[in-house]
N, C-alpha and C. Protein backbone atom coordinates (compact mmCIF):
# COMPACT_ATOMS: atom_id res chain seq x y z
N UNK A 1 19.64 -10.13 -13.34
CA UNK A 1 18.89 -9.56 -12.23
C UNK A 1 19.66 -8.86 -11.23
N UNK A 2 20.94 -9.21 -11.17
CA UNK A 2 21.80 -8.60 -10.13
C UNK A 2 21.86 -7.03 -10.36
N UNK A 3 21.81 -6.57 -11.58
CA UNK A 3 21.90 -5.21 -11.82
C UNK A 3 20.73 -4.42 -11.22
N UNK A 4 19.60 -5.08 -10.98
CA UNK A 4 18.41 -4.45 -10.40
C UNK A 4 18.74 -3.96 -8.99
N UNK A 5 19.73 -4.55 -8.32
CA UNK A 5 20.06 -4.30 -6.95
C UNK A 5 21.16 -3.18 -6.85
N UNK A 6 21.63 -2.68 -7.89
CA UNK A 6 22.62 -1.65 -7.82
C UNK A 6 21.97 -0.31 -7.29
N UNK A 7 22.73 0.42 -6.66
CA UNK A 7 22.20 1.66 -6.00
C UNK A 7 21.51 2.59 -7.08
N UNK A 8 22.12 2.68 -8.22
CA UNK A 8 21.54 3.59 -9.27
C UNK A 8 20.19 3.11 -9.72
N UNK A 9 20.05 1.83 -9.97
CA UNK A 9 18.74 1.26 -10.41
C UNK A 9 17.70 1.26 -9.29
N UNK A 10 18.08 1.11 -8.13
CA UNK A 10 17.17 1.19 -7.03
C UNK A 10 16.63 2.62 -6.87
N UNK A 11 17.49 3.59 -7.04
CA UNK A 11 17.08 4.96 -6.90
C UNK A 11 16.16 5.37 -8.12
N UNK A 12 16.44 4.84 -9.31
CA UNK A 12 15.61 5.12 -10.41
C UNK A 12 14.22 4.46 -10.14
N UNK A 13 14.24 3.17 -9.65
CA UNK A 13 12.95 2.56 -9.35
C UNK A 13 12.14 3.29 -8.31
N UNK A 14 12.83 3.85 -7.26
CA UNK A 14 12.19 4.62 -6.29
C UNK A 14 11.49 5.88 -6.86
N UNK A 15 12.24 6.59 -7.72
CA UNK A 15 11.72 7.78 -8.33
C UNK A 15 10.47 7.45 -9.18
N UNK A 16 10.65 6.38 -9.99
CA UNK A 16 9.49 5.93 -10.91
C UNK A 16 8.29 5.51 -10.02
N UNK A 17 8.54 4.86 -8.91
CA UNK A 17 7.38 4.47 -8.04
C UNK A 17 6.70 5.66 -7.55
N UNK A 18 7.43 6.68 -7.01
CA UNK A 18 6.87 7.91 -6.54
C UNK A 18 6.04 8.61 -7.62
N UNK A 19 6.65 8.75 -8.79
CA UNK A 19 5.87 9.42 -9.86
C UNK A 19 4.61 8.74 -10.23
N UNK A 20 4.61 7.41 -10.22
CA UNK A 20 3.39 6.64 -10.51
C UNK A 20 2.37 6.76 -9.41
N UNK A 21 2.76 6.71 -8.22
CA UNK A 21 1.84 6.87 -7.11
C UNK A 21 1.19 8.24 -7.07
N UNK A 22 2.01 9.32 -7.30
CA UNK A 22 1.45 10.67 -7.39
C UNK A 22 0.55 10.75 -8.63
N UNK A 23 1.00 10.17 -9.78
CA UNK A 23 0.20 10.10 -10.98
C UNK A 23 -1.17 9.47 -10.73
N UNK A 24 -1.15 8.40 -9.99
CA UNK A 24 -2.40 7.66 -9.71
C UNK A 24 -3.37 8.56 -8.93
N UNK A 25 -2.84 9.29 -7.93
CA UNK A 25 -3.65 10.09 -7.07
C UNK A 25 -4.19 11.26 -7.93
N UNK A 26 -3.36 11.81 -8.81
CA UNK A 26 -3.82 12.91 -9.64
C UNK A 26 -4.88 12.45 -10.56
N UNK A 27 -4.73 11.25 -11.16
CA UNK A 27 -5.70 10.70 -12.05
C UNK A 27 -7.08 10.50 -11.39
N UNK A 28 -7.08 10.01 -10.11
CA UNK A 28 -8.32 9.83 -9.42
C UNK A 28 -9.00 11.17 -9.20
N UNK A 29 -8.23 12.22 -8.85
CA UNK A 29 -8.88 13.45 -8.58
C UNK A 29 -9.41 14.05 -9.86
N UNK A 30 -8.64 13.94 -10.94
CA UNK A 30 -9.03 14.51 -12.16
C UNK A 30 -10.28 13.82 -12.70
N UNK A 31 -10.32 12.47 -12.58
CA UNK A 31 -11.46 11.74 -13.14
C UNK A 31 -12.74 12.01 -12.25
N UNK A 32 -12.57 12.27 -10.96
CA UNK A 32 -13.67 12.51 -10.08
C UNK A 32 -14.32 13.90 -10.25
N UNK A 33 -13.38 14.88 -10.51
CA UNK A 33 -13.87 16.26 -10.68
C UNK A 33 -14.16 16.98 -9.40
N UNK A 34 -13.75 16.36 -8.22
CA UNK A 34 -13.99 16.93 -6.93
C UNK A 34 -12.87 17.93 -6.63
N UNK A 35 -13.18 18.88 -5.70
CA UNK A 35 -12.23 19.83 -5.30
C UNK A 35 -11.64 19.53 -3.91
N UNK A 36 -10.83 20.33 -3.39
CA UNK A 36 -10.26 20.14 -2.05
C UNK A 36 -11.32 20.18 -0.97
N UNK A 37 -12.28 21.09 -1.18
CA UNK A 37 -13.43 21.16 -0.14
C UNK A 37 -14.16 19.85 -0.02
N UNK A 38 -14.45 19.24 -1.13
CA UNK A 38 -15.13 17.97 -1.09
C UNK A 38 -14.32 16.84 -0.49
N UNK A 39 -13.05 16.86 -0.68
CA UNK A 39 -12.17 15.81 -0.13
C UNK A 39 -12.10 16.00 1.35
N UNK A 40 -11.93 17.24 1.79
CA UNK A 40 -11.88 17.55 3.24
C UNK A 40 -13.13 17.17 3.90
N UNK A 41 -14.30 17.51 3.31
CA UNK A 41 -15.53 17.03 3.83
C UNK A 41 -15.69 15.60 3.94
N UNK A 42 -15.16 14.85 2.91
CA UNK A 42 -15.29 13.40 2.98
C UNK A 42 -14.42 12.77 4.11
N UNK A 43 -13.28 13.35 4.32
CA UNK A 43 -12.43 12.95 5.44
C UNK A 43 -13.08 13.09 6.71
N UNK A 44 -13.73 14.21 7.01
CA UNK A 44 -14.39 14.54 8.26
C UNK A 44 -15.62 13.61 8.38
N UNK A 45 -16.36 13.44 7.33
CA UNK A 45 -17.58 12.66 7.39
C UNK A 45 -17.22 11.14 7.70
N UNK A 46 -16.16 10.62 7.12
CA UNK A 46 -15.79 9.23 7.34
C UNK A 46 -15.13 8.99 8.66
N UNK A 47 -14.69 10.05 9.27
CA UNK A 47 -13.97 9.91 10.57
C UNK A 47 -15.00 9.84 11.72
N UNK A 48 -16.26 10.15 11.48
CA UNK A 48 -17.27 10.18 12.58
C UNK A 48 -16.86 11.08 13.67
N UNK A 49 -16.15 12.08 13.40
CA UNK A 49 -15.78 13.10 14.49
C UNK A 49 -16.92 13.90 14.88
N UNK A 50 -17.07 14.25 16.18
CA UNK A 50 -18.12 15.12 16.64
C UNK A 50 -17.91 16.55 16.02
N UNK A 51 -19.09 17.21 15.94
CA UNK A 51 -19.12 18.54 15.22
C UNK A 51 -18.08 19.48 15.88
N UNK A 52 -17.87 19.43 17.18
CA UNK A 52 -16.93 20.38 17.82
C UNK A 52 -15.52 20.19 17.38
N UNK A 53 -15.24 18.98 16.78
CA UNK A 53 -13.88 18.69 16.33
C UNK A 53 -13.71 18.85 14.88
N UNK A 54 -14.75 19.09 14.15
CA UNK A 54 -14.73 19.22 12.69
C UNK A 54 -13.85 20.40 12.24
N UNK A 55 -13.94 21.52 12.85
CA UNK A 55 -13.17 22.66 12.46
C UNK A 55 -11.60 22.42 12.73
N UNK A 56 -11.32 21.81 13.81
CA UNK A 56 -9.92 21.45 14.11
C UNK A 56 -9.43 20.47 13.09
N UNK A 57 -10.17 19.51 12.80
CA UNK A 57 -9.76 18.49 11.75
C UNK A 57 -9.55 19.09 10.42
N UNK A 58 -10.33 20.11 10.07
CA UNK A 58 -10.21 20.75 8.76
C UNK A 58 -8.89 21.45 8.59
N UNK A 59 -8.46 22.15 9.67
CA UNK A 59 -7.20 22.84 9.59
C UNK A 59 -5.99 21.87 9.50
N UNK A 60 -6.24 20.66 9.95
CA UNK A 60 -5.16 19.63 9.83
C UNK A 60 -5.24 18.91 8.48
N UNK A 61 -6.42 18.57 8.00
CA UNK A 61 -6.66 17.78 6.82
C UNK A 61 -6.46 18.57 5.58
N UNK A 62 -6.92 19.78 5.52
CA UNK A 62 -6.86 20.59 4.29
C UNK A 62 -5.43 20.64 3.67
N UNK A 63 -4.38 20.93 4.49
CA UNK A 63 -3.03 20.96 3.86
C UNK A 63 -2.59 19.62 3.35
N UNK A 64 -3.03 18.56 3.99
CA UNK A 64 -2.63 17.22 3.56
C UNK A 64 -3.30 16.87 2.24
N UNK A 65 -4.53 17.30 2.06
CA UNK A 65 -5.25 17.03 0.77
C UNK A 65 -4.68 17.86 -0.34
N UNK A 66 -4.31 19.12 0.00
CA UNK A 66 -3.75 20.05 -1.02
C UNK A 66 -2.30 19.69 -1.42
N UNK A 67 -1.59 19.21 -0.51
CA UNK A 67 -0.16 18.86 -0.71
C UNK A 67 0.09 17.39 -0.72
N UNK A 68 -0.76 16.66 -1.44
CA UNK A 68 -0.67 15.15 -1.42
C UNK A 68 0.64 14.69 -1.93
N UNK A 69 1.35 15.31 -2.93
CA UNK A 69 2.62 14.75 -3.32
C UNK A 69 3.65 14.70 -2.18
N UNK A 70 3.50 15.68 -1.28
CA UNK A 70 4.54 15.77 -0.10
C UNK A 70 4.09 14.62 0.86
N UNK A 71 2.81 14.42 1.05
CA UNK A 71 2.31 13.38 1.94
C UNK A 71 2.75 12.02 1.47
N UNK A 72 2.64 11.83 0.12
CA UNK A 72 3.03 10.61 -0.52
C UNK A 72 4.53 10.26 -0.34
N UNK A 73 5.32 11.24 -0.57
CA UNK A 73 6.79 11.07 -0.44
C UNK A 73 7.16 10.72 1.04
N UNK A 74 6.42 11.42 1.99
CA UNK A 74 6.74 11.10 3.37
C UNK A 74 6.31 9.70 3.73
N UNK A 75 5.15 9.29 3.14
CA UNK A 75 4.69 7.95 3.43
C UNK A 75 5.61 6.84 2.89
N UNK A 76 6.18 7.11 1.70
CA UNK A 76 7.12 6.18 1.13
C UNK A 76 8.44 6.16 2.01
N UNK A 77 8.92 7.34 2.42
CA UNK A 77 10.14 7.45 3.14
C UNK A 77 10.01 6.71 4.46
N UNK A 78 8.82 6.64 4.99
CA UNK A 78 8.62 5.90 6.27
C UNK A 78 8.30 4.43 6.02
N UNK A 79 7.43 4.20 5.05
CA UNK A 79 6.93 2.88 4.78
C UNK A 79 8.03 1.93 4.26
N UNK A 80 8.81 2.40 3.33
CA UNK A 80 9.82 1.47 2.72
C UNK A 80 10.86 0.87 3.78
N UNK A 81 11.51 1.81 4.53
CA UNK A 81 12.38 1.36 5.64
C UNK A 81 11.67 0.44 6.67
N UNK A 82 10.41 0.77 6.95
CA UNK A 82 9.70 -0.07 7.99
C UNK A 82 9.53 -1.47 7.41
N UNK A 83 8.96 -1.57 6.17
CA UNK A 83 8.71 -2.89 5.63
C UNK A 83 10.04 -3.64 5.39
N UNK A 84 11.07 -2.88 5.01
CA UNK A 84 12.39 -3.57 4.80
C UNK A 84 12.89 -4.22 6.12
N UNK A 85 12.75 -3.44 7.21
CA UNK A 85 13.21 -3.85 8.50
C UNK A 85 12.42 -5.12 8.95
N UNK A 86 11.10 -5.04 8.77
CA UNK A 86 10.33 -6.22 9.23
C UNK A 86 10.69 -7.45 8.41
N UNK A 87 10.80 -7.36 7.14
CA UNK A 87 11.15 -8.54 6.30
C UNK A 87 12.62 -8.93 6.63
N UNK A 88 13.49 -8.00 6.83
CA UNK A 88 14.87 -8.30 7.15
C UNK A 88 14.99 -9.15 8.38
N UNK A 89 14.21 -8.82 9.42
CA UNK A 89 14.24 -9.55 10.63
C UNK A 89 13.64 -10.92 10.49
N UNK A 90 12.61 -11.04 9.61
CA UNK A 90 12.05 -12.36 9.34
C UNK A 90 13.10 -13.25 8.61
N UNK A 91 13.81 -12.72 7.67
CA UNK A 91 14.80 -13.49 6.94
C UNK A 91 15.95 -13.82 7.84
N UNK A 92 16.24 -13.02 8.87
CA UNK A 92 17.22 -13.39 9.81
C UNK A 92 16.92 -14.64 10.57
N UNK A 93 15.60 -14.84 10.81
CA UNK A 93 15.17 -16.00 11.56
C UNK A 93 15.41 -17.29 10.74
N UNK A 94 15.30 -17.14 9.38
CA UNK A 94 15.44 -18.37 8.54
C UNK A 94 16.88 -18.43 8.01
N UNK A 95 17.78 -17.51 8.54
CA UNK A 95 19.18 -17.47 8.14
C UNK A 95 19.31 -17.44 6.60
N UNK A 96 18.65 -16.43 5.99
CA UNK A 96 18.67 -16.28 4.59
C UNK A 96 19.92 -15.65 4.07
N UNK A 97 20.66 -14.94 4.92
CA UNK A 97 21.87 -14.31 4.57
C UNK A 97 21.74 -13.05 3.74
N UNK A 98 20.61 -12.45 3.78
CA UNK A 98 20.30 -11.21 2.99
C UNK A 98 20.63 -10.03 3.76
N UNK A 99 21.21 -9.05 3.12
CA UNK A 99 21.52 -7.82 3.77
C UNK A 99 20.26 -6.92 3.77
N UNK A 100 20.32 -5.83 4.67
CA UNK A 100 19.19 -4.93 4.64
C UNK A 100 19.04 -4.22 3.37
N UNK A 101 20.23 -3.88 2.75
CA UNK A 101 20.19 -3.19 1.49
C UNK A 101 19.46 -4.03 0.35
N UNK A 102 19.81 -5.35 0.37
CA UNK A 102 19.17 -6.18 -0.67
C UNK A 102 17.66 -6.29 -0.46
N UNK A 103 17.27 -6.39 0.80
CA UNK A 103 15.81 -6.46 1.08
C UNK A 103 15.16 -5.14 0.70
N UNK A 104 15.80 -4.07 0.96
CA UNK A 104 15.27 -2.74 0.62
C UNK A 104 15.11 -2.61 -0.87
N UNK A 105 16.13 -3.04 -1.68
CA UNK A 105 16.00 -2.93 -3.12
C UNK A 105 14.75 -3.83 -3.62
N UNK A 106 14.56 -4.92 -3.09
CA UNK A 106 13.45 -5.74 -3.45
C UNK A 106 12.14 -5.08 -3.12
N UNK A 107 12.13 -4.41 -1.94
CA UNK A 107 10.93 -3.68 -1.47
C UNK A 107 10.59 -2.58 -2.49
N UNK A 108 11.53 -1.90 -2.95
CA UNK A 108 11.29 -0.74 -3.89
C UNK A 108 10.85 -1.27 -5.18
N UNK A 109 11.50 -2.31 -5.73
CA UNK A 109 11.08 -2.90 -7.03
C UNK A 109 9.71 -3.42 -7.00
N UNK A 110 9.36 -4.15 -5.91
CA UNK A 110 8.06 -4.72 -5.74
C UNK A 110 7.01 -3.59 -5.64
N UNK A 111 7.30 -2.47 -5.02
CA UNK A 111 6.43 -1.35 -4.97
C UNK A 111 6.23 -0.68 -6.32
N UNK A 112 7.29 -0.75 -7.18
CA UNK A 112 7.14 -0.27 -8.58
C UNK A 112 6.11 -1.13 -9.38
N UNK A 113 6.24 -2.45 -9.21
CA UNK A 113 5.34 -3.33 -9.91
C UNK A 113 3.85 -3.07 -9.45
N UNK A 114 3.73 -2.90 -8.22
CA UNK A 114 2.39 -2.64 -7.56
C UNK A 114 1.84 -1.29 -8.11
N UNK A 115 2.74 -0.33 -8.16
CA UNK A 115 2.30 1.01 -8.68
C UNK A 115 1.88 1.00 -10.13
N UNK A 116 2.64 0.27 -10.94
CA UNK A 116 2.25 0.12 -12.34
C UNK A 116 0.80 -0.55 -12.46
N UNK A 117 0.68 -1.59 -11.72
CA UNK A 117 -0.70 -2.28 -11.79
C UNK A 117 -1.74 -1.33 -11.28
N UNK A 118 -1.48 -0.60 -10.26
CA UNK A 118 -2.46 0.36 -9.77
C UNK A 118 -2.85 1.41 -10.65
N UNK A 119 -1.92 1.99 -11.44
CA UNK A 119 -2.25 3.02 -12.44
C UNK A 119 -3.11 2.41 -13.51
N UNK A 120 -2.73 1.19 -14.01
CA UNK A 120 -3.52 0.62 -15.10
C UNK A 120 -4.92 0.33 -14.64
N UNK A 121 -5.14 -0.17 -13.43
CA UNK A 121 -6.47 -0.42 -12.94
C UNK A 121 -7.27 0.93 -12.81
N UNK A 122 -6.62 1.99 -12.36
CA UNK A 122 -7.32 3.21 -12.30
C UNK A 122 -7.68 3.77 -13.66
N UNK A 123 -6.85 3.63 -14.58
CA UNK A 123 -7.12 4.10 -15.91
C UNK A 123 -8.35 3.33 -16.49
N UNK A 124 -8.40 2.06 -16.28
CA UNK A 124 -9.53 1.28 -16.79
C UNK A 124 -10.83 1.61 -16.11
N UNK A 125 -10.78 1.69 -14.77
CA UNK A 125 -11.95 1.99 -14.01
C UNK A 125 -12.51 3.37 -14.25
N UNK A 126 -11.60 4.31 -14.40
CA UNK A 126 -12.04 5.70 -14.55
C UNK A 126 -12.74 5.88 -15.97
N UNK A 127 -12.51 4.93 -16.88
CA UNK A 127 -13.25 5.04 -18.19
C UNK A 127 -14.67 4.61 -18.04
N UNK A 128 -14.99 3.86 -16.94
CA UNK A 128 -16.36 3.37 -16.78
C UNK A 128 -17.19 4.18 -15.81
N UNK A 129 -16.49 4.76 -14.81
CA UNK A 129 -17.22 5.58 -13.89
C UNK A 129 -16.24 6.57 -13.10
N UNK A 130 -16.84 7.57 -12.51
CA UNK A 130 -16.07 8.55 -11.79
C UNK A 130 -15.86 8.07 -10.31
N UNK A 131 -14.70 8.24 -9.74
CA UNK A 131 -14.50 7.92 -8.33
C UNK A 131 -15.17 9.04 -7.50
N UNK A 132 -15.63 8.64 -6.38
CA UNK A 132 -16.27 9.62 -5.39
C UNK A 132 -15.13 10.21 -4.55
N UNK A 133 -15.56 11.31 -3.81
CA UNK A 133 -14.54 11.88 -2.85
C UNK A 133 -14.29 10.88 -1.73
N UNK A 134 -15.22 10.12 -1.31
CA UNK A 134 -15.06 9.12 -0.25
C UNK A 134 -14.16 8.08 -0.71
N UNK A 135 -14.27 7.58 -1.91
CA UNK A 135 -13.39 6.55 -2.45
C UNK A 135 -11.99 6.97 -2.52
N UNK A 136 -11.80 8.31 -2.77
CA UNK A 136 -10.48 8.85 -2.96
C UNK A 136 -9.77 8.94 -1.59
N UNK A 137 -10.46 9.46 -0.56
CA UNK A 137 -9.84 9.55 0.73
C UNK A 137 -9.71 8.30 1.42
N UNK A 138 -10.55 7.31 1.12
CA UNK A 138 -10.37 6.00 1.74
C UNK A 138 -9.60 5.01 0.88
N UNK A 139 -9.16 5.48 -0.29
CA UNK A 139 -8.38 4.73 -1.20
C UNK A 139 -9.01 3.35 -1.58
N UNK A 140 -10.33 3.49 -1.93
CA UNK A 140 -11.09 2.33 -2.22
C UNK A 140 -11.63 2.32 -3.66
N UNK A 141 -11.16 3.31 -4.47
CA UNK A 141 -11.63 3.29 -5.92
C UNK A 141 -11.21 2.02 -6.55
N UNK A 142 -9.85 1.66 -6.42
CA UNK A 142 -9.47 0.39 -6.91
C UNK A 142 -9.63 -0.61 -5.76
N UNK A 143 -10.73 -1.30 -5.78
CA UNK A 143 -11.08 -2.23 -4.71
C UNK A 143 -10.79 -3.66 -5.07
N UNK A 144 -9.46 -3.97 -5.32
CA UNK A 144 -9.08 -5.24 -5.78
C UNK A 144 -8.97 -6.26 -4.66
N UNK A 145 -9.93 -6.35 -3.76
CA UNK A 145 -9.85 -7.30 -2.68
C UNK A 145 -11.20 -8.03 -2.42
N UNK A 146 -11.17 -8.98 -1.64
CA UNK A 146 -12.38 -9.81 -1.33
C UNK A 146 -13.40 -8.87 -0.58
N UNK A 147 -12.94 -7.89 0.10
CA UNK A 147 -13.86 -7.02 0.81
C UNK A 147 -14.83 -6.23 -0.04
N UNK A 148 -14.48 -6.15 -1.35
CA UNK A 148 -15.39 -5.53 -2.29
C UNK A 148 -16.68 -6.32 -2.49
N UNK A 149 -16.64 -7.59 -2.25
CA UNK A 149 -17.79 -8.43 -2.38
C UNK A 149 -18.64 -8.58 -1.03
N UNK A 150 -18.15 -7.99 -0.04
CA UNK A 150 -18.83 -8.01 1.25
C UNK A 150 -19.70 -6.83 1.52
N UNK A 151 -20.75 -7.01 2.26
CA UNK A 151 -21.64 -5.90 2.58
C UNK A 151 -20.96 -5.02 3.56
N UNK A 152 -21.06 -3.65 3.43
CA UNK A 152 -20.47 -2.71 4.30
C UNK A 152 -20.95 -2.93 5.78
N UNK A 153 -22.09 -3.67 5.96
CA UNK A 153 -22.63 -3.91 7.23
C UNK A 153 -22.08 -5.19 7.83
N UNK A 154 -21.15 -5.80 7.12
CA UNK A 154 -20.57 -7.05 7.71
C UNK A 154 -19.79 -6.77 8.94
N UNK A 155 -19.42 -7.80 9.66
CA UNK A 155 -18.68 -7.67 10.93
C UNK A 155 -17.31 -6.98 10.59
N UNK A 156 -16.84 -6.13 11.44
CA UNK A 156 -15.54 -5.41 11.22
C UNK A 156 -14.43 -6.43 10.93
N UNK A 157 -14.31 -7.55 11.65
CA UNK A 157 -13.32 -8.46 11.51
C UNK A 157 -13.35 -9.17 10.14
N UNK A 158 -14.57 -9.43 9.67
CA UNK A 158 -14.78 -10.04 8.34
C UNK A 158 -14.37 -9.06 7.25
N UNK A 159 -14.72 -7.83 7.37
CA UNK A 159 -14.26 -6.71 6.44
C UNK A 159 -12.82 -6.63 6.39
N UNK A 160 -12.15 -6.68 7.60
CA UNK A 160 -10.72 -6.57 7.64
C UNK A 160 -10.09 -7.75 6.99
N UNK A 161 -10.60 -8.97 7.16
CA UNK A 161 -10.09 -10.17 6.48
C UNK A 161 -10.17 -9.99 4.97
N UNK A 162 -11.33 -9.56 4.49
CA UNK A 162 -11.54 -9.41 3.03
C UNK A 162 -10.67 -8.43 2.45
N UNK A 163 -10.45 -7.27 3.10
CA UNK A 163 -9.59 -6.22 2.59
C UNK A 163 -8.20 -6.62 2.66
N UNK A 164 -7.75 -7.60 3.50
CA UNK A 164 -6.39 -8.04 3.56
C UNK A 164 -6.01 -8.90 2.37
N UNK A 165 -7.04 -9.62 1.82
CA UNK A 165 -6.77 -10.45 0.66
C UNK A 165 -6.88 -9.61 -0.61
N UNK A 166 -5.90 -8.81 -0.78
CA UNK A 166 -5.87 -7.79 -1.88
C UNK A 166 -4.97 -8.29 -2.99
N UNK A 167 -5.48 -8.08 -4.19
CA UNK A 167 -4.70 -8.55 -5.36
C UNK A 167 -3.41 -7.78 -5.54
N UNK A 168 -3.41 -6.51 -5.33
CA UNK A 168 -2.20 -5.70 -5.44
C UNK A 168 -1.17 -6.02 -4.42
N UNK A 169 -1.67 -6.34 -3.20
CA UNK A 169 -0.71 -6.73 -2.12
C UNK A 169 -0.13 -8.10 -2.41
N UNK A 170 -0.86 -8.97 -2.92
CA UNK A 170 -0.36 -10.31 -3.34
C UNK A 170 0.62 -10.17 -4.49
N UNK A 171 0.34 -9.33 -5.43
CA UNK A 171 1.30 -9.03 -6.49
C UNK A 171 2.58 -8.53 -5.92
N UNK A 172 2.55 -7.58 -5.00
CA UNK A 172 3.69 -7.01 -4.38
C UNK A 172 4.59 -8.16 -3.78
N UNK A 173 3.95 -9.05 -2.98
CA UNK A 173 4.60 -10.15 -2.29
C UNK A 173 5.28 -11.08 -3.30
N UNK A 174 4.55 -11.37 -4.30
CA UNK A 174 5.07 -12.36 -5.35
C UNK A 174 6.29 -11.83 -6.02
N UNK A 175 6.25 -10.50 -6.41
CA UNK A 175 7.44 -9.86 -7.02
C UNK A 175 8.58 -9.76 -6.05
N UNK A 176 8.22 -9.41 -4.80
CA UNK A 176 9.24 -9.29 -3.73
C UNK A 176 9.97 -10.64 -3.55
N UNK A 177 9.27 -11.70 -3.35
CA UNK A 177 9.82 -12.98 -3.14
C UNK A 177 10.60 -13.51 -4.38
N UNK A 178 10.09 -13.24 -5.55
CA UNK A 178 10.75 -13.64 -6.82
C UNK A 178 12.17 -12.89 -7.01
N UNK A 179 12.15 -11.61 -6.63
CA UNK A 179 13.40 -10.85 -6.77
C UNK A 179 14.40 -11.31 -5.82
N UNK A 180 14.00 -11.60 -4.55
CA UNK A 180 15.05 -12.05 -3.63
C UNK A 180 15.50 -13.48 -3.94
N UNK A 181 14.55 -14.28 -4.38
CA UNK A 181 14.95 -15.67 -4.74
C UNK A 181 15.90 -15.70 -5.95
N UNK A 182 15.75 -14.78 -6.86
CA UNK A 182 16.56 -14.72 -8.12
C UNK A 182 17.74 -13.83 -8.02
N UNK A 183 17.95 -13.18 -6.86
CA UNK A 183 19.07 -12.29 -6.62
C UNK A 183 20.46 -12.94 -6.61
N UNK A 184 20.44 -14.23 -6.23
CA UNK A 184 21.71 -14.96 -6.02
C UNK A 184 22.45 -14.55 -4.80
N UNK A 185 21.78 -13.84 -3.90
CA UNK A 185 22.40 -13.37 -2.70
C UNK A 185 21.89 -14.05 -1.38
N UNK A 186 20.95 -14.98 -1.61
CA UNK A 186 20.37 -15.65 -0.43
C UNK A 186 20.94 -16.99 -0.27
N UNK A 187 21.16 -17.36 1.02
CA UNK A 187 21.63 -18.71 1.35
C UNK A 187 20.49 -19.63 1.45
N UNK A 188 19.29 -19.16 1.59
CA UNK A 188 18.07 -19.93 1.72
C UNK A 188 17.51 -20.24 0.32
N UNK A 189 16.71 -21.33 0.23
CA UNK A 189 16.13 -21.73 -1.05
C UNK A 189 14.96 -20.75 -1.40
N UNK A 190 14.57 -20.85 -2.68
CA UNK A 190 13.41 -19.96 -3.11
C UNK A 190 12.17 -20.34 -2.28
N UNK A 191 11.98 -21.58 -1.99
CA UNK A 191 10.77 -21.97 -1.24
C UNK A 191 10.81 -21.47 0.24
N UNK A 192 12.02 -21.41 0.79
CA UNK A 192 12.25 -20.88 2.13
C UNK A 192 11.87 -19.46 2.18
N UNK A 193 12.28 -18.64 1.14
CA UNK A 193 12.03 -17.25 1.12
C UNK A 193 10.54 -17.04 0.91
N UNK A 194 9.89 -17.79 -0.02
CA UNK A 194 8.45 -17.68 -0.24
C UNK A 194 7.67 -18.00 0.96
N UNK A 195 8.10 -19.01 1.67
CA UNK A 195 7.39 -19.40 2.94
C UNK A 195 7.52 -18.32 4.01
N UNK A 196 8.71 -17.74 4.10
CA UNK A 196 8.93 -16.66 5.11
C UNK A 196 8.05 -15.44 4.76
N UNK A 197 7.96 -15.10 3.54
CA UNK A 197 7.10 -13.96 3.08
C UNK A 197 5.63 -14.27 3.36
N UNK A 198 5.24 -15.54 3.00
CA UNK A 198 3.83 -15.99 3.22
C UNK A 198 3.49 -15.98 4.69
N UNK A 199 4.37 -16.39 5.55
CA UNK A 199 4.07 -16.45 7.01
C UNK A 199 3.97 -14.98 7.49
N UNK A 200 4.81 -14.08 7.01
CA UNK A 200 4.70 -12.64 7.44
C UNK A 200 3.35 -12.07 7.01
N UNK A 201 2.94 -12.39 5.81
CA UNK A 201 1.60 -11.93 5.34
C UNK A 201 0.55 -12.44 6.22
N UNK A 202 0.63 -13.75 6.50
CA UNK A 202 -0.44 -14.41 7.37
C UNK A 202 -0.53 -13.73 8.72
N UNK A 203 0.65 -13.47 9.35
CA UNK A 203 0.65 -12.85 10.61
C UNK A 203 0.15 -11.43 10.58
N UNK A 204 0.43 -10.71 9.53
CA UNK A 204 -0.09 -9.35 9.35
C UNK A 204 -1.70 -9.47 9.27
N UNK A 205 -2.21 -10.41 8.57
CA UNK A 205 -3.69 -10.61 8.50
C UNK A 205 -4.30 -10.84 9.85
N UNK A 206 -3.62 -11.73 10.60
CA UNK A 206 -4.02 -12.09 12.00
C UNK A 206 -4.08 -10.81 12.83
N UNK A 207 -3.02 -9.98 12.80
CA UNK A 207 -3.02 -8.76 13.54
C UNK A 207 -4.14 -7.85 13.11
N UNK A 208 -4.30 -7.70 11.80
CA UNK A 208 -5.33 -6.72 11.32
C UNK A 208 -6.69 -7.21 11.69
N UNK A 209 -6.99 -8.55 11.51
CA UNK A 209 -8.29 -9.03 11.85
C UNK A 209 -8.52 -8.96 13.37
N UNK A 210 -7.47 -9.29 14.19
CA UNK A 210 -7.60 -9.28 15.63
C UNK A 210 -7.91 -7.83 16.09
N UNK A 211 -7.28 -6.84 15.50
CA UNK A 211 -7.49 -5.45 15.88
C UNK A 211 -8.96 -5.10 15.53
N UNK A 212 -9.43 -5.50 14.38
CA UNK A 212 -10.82 -5.17 14.01
C UNK A 212 -11.82 -5.82 14.94
N UNK A 213 -11.51 -7.05 15.33
CA UNK A 213 -12.39 -7.83 16.23
C UNK A 213 -12.45 -7.19 17.59
N UNK A 214 -11.26 -6.73 18.05
CA UNK A 214 -11.20 -6.12 19.44
C UNK A 214 -11.76 -4.68 19.52
N UNK A 215 -11.51 -3.92 18.42
CA UNK A 215 -11.83 -2.48 18.50
C UNK A 215 -12.91 -2.10 17.50
N UNK A 216 -13.33 -3.04 16.68
CA UNK A 216 -14.45 -2.76 15.83
C UNK A 216 -14.19 -1.87 14.63
N UNK A 217 -12.87 -1.88 14.26
CA UNK A 217 -12.44 -1.05 13.05
C UNK A 217 -11.08 -1.52 12.57
C-alpha cells in the first residue's frame, strides 16, 4: 500500500479521477439530450433569481455550463487542498503524525474510488431513465442519500440532514480512513483515525443542518 502514496501514483490517481468526473458529467448530458440553453435555464429557474437578474446570470452561467471540464478541474484544484488541510488539522489534534502530503494522497485516492462508484451508478440509472436538466445542474441524478426518500416540501434542515447521509460520501470516508490506517505512516491506531474522520463528518453535518435551519437552505 505504501506505493499508493508515491508522487507518481498520486498524480496518476488525480488524472484518473478528473477523467472520470468529466466523463460522468458528459454521460449525464448525453443521456439527457439537453443542450446548453436548457441547462442555463435550469440554473436560473432553480436559483429563484428575480427577472431583472436573469440576463446577468445567463452571461455568467453559460460559459460555466459550456466549459464544464475547466470548472471541474478548478473545483478539484481548490477542493482537494481544502479537504486535505481540514483533515490534516484534525489529525494534528489526535497526534496521528501524518504529513500533509500523506493526507493529500489519501484524499485523491478516496476521490478516485468515489468517482468510479459515481460513474457506475450513472451508467445504471441512465439505462432506466433520462436525467433532467434540473437534476444535472443540481447534481441530483445520482441521489444516493436519505434525502431522496424525503418530500421536497420537508423542512430545509431535515432535507440537509438527509442529503448529508450520502452513500458516496460515506464510501469516500471509509476508503480515506482505510488508506491512512494501512499506510504505516500514522502513530495513531486505526480506530483513532476512523474516530477522527467520523467526528469530522459529524461536525460537517451539524454545520450543514445548522445553516439550513438558520437560513432555510
